[in-house]
Amino acid sequence: MYDDILLPTDGSDAADAAVANAIDLASKYNATLHVLYVADTTEYSTVTFEDAVTDPLEREGERVVDDAVARAEDAGVVAMGVVLHGGVFETIQAYVDDEGINTVVMGTHGRRGLGRALLGSVTERVVRTSDVPMLTVRETDDDGAA
């Protein structure tokens, strides 16, 4: 049923809230967990220094992905991580299609009303257009309340 589970992450608290759920689901179904960070190249993110091009978003992505993969492996889950460049929503959707993902686990900030309308939501766009089951995990405050 769930052989390949995708956990898109941006390292935010909302995305981090989804990590434990994704690991638990992958463990229950003996699935491979794919951890994906998209370095948003629709925004200027590269810095040139002495003829070397570095991308701080890519470095941050590698750190975030490595942390989630390590957590999964510590729980006995087979996990793989990848950092890709592109538009976030489009890259997530392409990864789902290209890798045969069975379900997606994503964090959400839980914004409502005008805040959500103004900021938009990658999670919401993926949920509305996904052809695979989605699990959204709402970020909680320090007291555990959503």
Protein backbone atom coordinates (compact mmCIF):
# COMPACT_ATOMS: atom_id res chain seq x y z
CA MET A 1 0.00 0.00 0.00
CA TYR A 2 2.63 2.53 1.05
CA ASP A 3 5.99 1.49 -0.37
CA ASP A 4 7.46 4.96 -0.92
CA ILE A 5 6.58 7.88 1.33
CA LEU A 6 7.66 11.44 0.59
CA LEU A 7 8.49 13.93 3.32
CA PRO A 8 9.07 17.35 1.76
CA THR A 9 10.76 19.61 4.30
CA ASP A 10 12.06 23.13 4.51
CA GLY A 11 13.47 22.79 8.01
CA SER A 12 10.72 24.91 9.57
CA ASP A 13 8.98 23.99 12.83
CA ALA A 14 5.89 23.03 10.82
CA ALA A 15 7.90 20.67 8.60
CA ASP A 16 9.71 19.26 11.62
CA ALA A 17 6.36 18.38 13.19
CA ALA A 18 5.74 16.04 10.23
CA VAL A 19 9.02 14.12 10.57
CA ALA A 20 7.92 11.86 13.42
CA ASN A 21 4.64 11.09 11.64
CA ALA A 22 6.42 10.23 8.39
CA ILE A 23 8.89 7.98 10.20
CA ASP A 24 6.07 6.25 12.09
CA LEU A 25 4.07 5.65 8.89
CA ALA A 26 7.14 4.33 7.05
CA SER A 27 7.93 2.03 9.96
CA LYS A 28 4.39 0.63 10.11
CA TYR A 29 4.32 -0.12 6.37
CA ASN A 30 7.99 -1.08 6.00
CA ALA A 31 8.23 1.70 3.41
CA THR A 32 11.14 3.73 2.13
CA LEU A 33 11.06 7.32 3.34
CA HIS A 34 12.15 9.92 0.79
CA VAL A 35 13.17 13.20 2.42
CA LEU A 36 13.10 16.11 -0.04
CA TYR A 37 14.32 19.66 0.32
CA VAL A 38 13.72 22.02 -2.58
CA ALA A 39 16.18 24.89 -2.91
CA ASP A 40 13.82 27.47 -4.38
CA THR A 41 15.67 28.75 -7.43
CA THR A 42 12.75 30.95 -8.35
CA GLU A 43 14.38 33.37 -5.92
CA TYR A 44 17.96 34.63 -6.05
CA SER A 45 19.94 32.35 -3.77
CA THR A 46 23.42 31.87 -5.18
CA VAL A 47 26.40 33.83 -4.02
CA THR A 48 29.60 34.16 -6.03
CA PHE A 49 32.81 34.35 -4.02
CA GLU A 50 36.23 34.20 -5.66
CA ASP A 51 34.91 32.47 -8.79
CA ALA A 52 33.22 29.77 -6.74
CA VAL A 53 29.44 29.58 -6.74
CA THR A 54 27.88 28.42 -3.51
CA ASP A 55 24.24 28.07 -2.67
CA PRO A 56 23.33 28.67 0.97
CA LEU A 57 19.91 27.14 0.40
CA GLU A 58 21.48 23.92 -0.84
CA ARG A 59 23.76 23.72 2.20
CA GLU A 60 20.79 24.32 4.51
CA GLY A 61 18.82 21.69 2.61
CA GLU A 62 21.58 19.12 3.02
CA ARG A 63 21.65 19.79 6.76
CA VAL A 64 17.88 19.46 7.10
CA VAL A 65 17.70 16.32 4.94
CA ASP A 66 20.63 14.64 6.70
CA ASP A 67 18.98 15.28 10.09
CA ALA A 68 15.64 13.76 9.02
CA VAL A 69 17.33 10.76 7.35
CA ALA A 70 19.39 10.13 10.49
CA ARG A 71 16.24 10.23 12.64
CA ALA A 72 14.54 7.74 10.32
CA GLU A 73 17.52 5.40 10.27
CA ASP A 74 17.74 5.56 14.08
CA ALA A 75 14.13 4.32 14.09
CA GLY A 76 15.01 1.44 11.74
CA VAL A 77 13.43 3.03 8.65
CA VAL A 78 15.10 2.91 5.25
CA ALA A 79 15.46 6.53 4.22
CA MET A 80 17.02 8.50 1.42
CA GLY A 81 17.47 12.23 1.12
CA VAL A 82 17.68 14.54 -1.83
CA VAL A 83 18.11 18.27 -2.38
CA LEU A 84 16.72 19.56 -5.65
CA HIS A 85 16.50 22.99 -7.26
CA GLY A 86 13.40 24.60 -8.74
CA GLY A 87 10.01 25.91 -7.78
CA VAL A 88 8.94 24.21 -4.56
CA PHE A 89 5.43 23.09 -5.53
CA GLU A 90 6.40 22.02 -9.03
CA THR A 91 9.46 20.10 -7.83
CA ILE A 92 7.47 18.23 -5.18
CA GLN A 93 4.83 17.24 -7.73
CA ALA A 94 7.47 16.10 -10.24
CA TYR A 95 9.24 14.05 -7.56
CA VAL A 96 5.98 12.29 -6.64
CA ASP A 97 5.43 11.38 -10.28
CA ASP A 98 9.03 10.48 -11.14
CA GLU A 99 9.70 8.33 -8.07
CA GLY A 100 6.36 6.51 -7.82
CA ILE A 101 5.55 7.98 -4.41
CA ASN A 102 2.50 6.37 -2.73
CA THR A 103 1.79 9.04 -0.11
CA VAL A 104 3.08 12.43 1.01
CA VAL A 105 3.49 13.64 4.60
CA MET A 106 3.80 17.42 4.97
CA GLY A 107 3.77 19.91 7.77
CA THR A 108 1.48 22.92 7.78
CA HIS A 109 1.55 26.14 9.76
CA GLY A 110 -2.21 26.00 10.29
CA ARG A 111 -2.74 29.59 9.19
CA ARG A 112 -6.31 30.66 8.58
CA GLY A 113 -8.09 33.52 6.89
CA LEU A 114 -6.15 36.47 5.54
CA GLY A 115 -2.76 35.17 6.74
CA ARG A 116 -3.13 32.04 4.64
CA ALA A 117 -4.52 33.96 1.68
CA LEU A 118 -1.63 36.44 1.69
CA LEU A 119 1.17 33.95 2.31
CA GLY A 120 -0.18 31.05 0.28
CA SER A 121 0.67 27.51 1.15
CA VAL A 122 2.78 24.96 -0.68
CA THR A 123 1.14 22.25 1.41
CA GLU A 124 -2.32 23.42 0.40
CA ARG A 125 -1.38 23.42 -3.30
CA VAL A 126 0.04 19.90 -3.05
CA VAL A 127 -3.07 18.66 -1.21
CA ARG A 128 -5.41 20.20 -3.79
CA THR A 129 -3.58 18.71 -6.78
CA SER A 130 -2.12 15.45 -5.49
CA ASP A 131 -3.05 12.14 -7.05
CA VAL A 132 -1.73 10.26 -4.01
CA PRO A 133 -2.94 10.23 -0.38
CA MET A 134 -1.71 13.10 1.79
CA LEU A 135 -1.11 13.37 5.51
CA THR A 136 -0.79 16.93 6.78
CA VAL A 137 0.62 17.57 10.22
CA ARG A 138 -0.15 20.86 11.88
CA GLU A 139 2.60 22.69 13.73
CA THR A 140 1.96 22.81 17.46
CA ASP A 141 3.01 25.39 20.00
CA ASP A 142 5.31 24.62 22.93
CA ASP A 143 2.34 23.43 25.01
CA GLY A 144 1.40 20.83 22.43
CA ALA A 145 -1.74 22.67 21.33
CA ALA A 146 -2.43 23.03 17.63
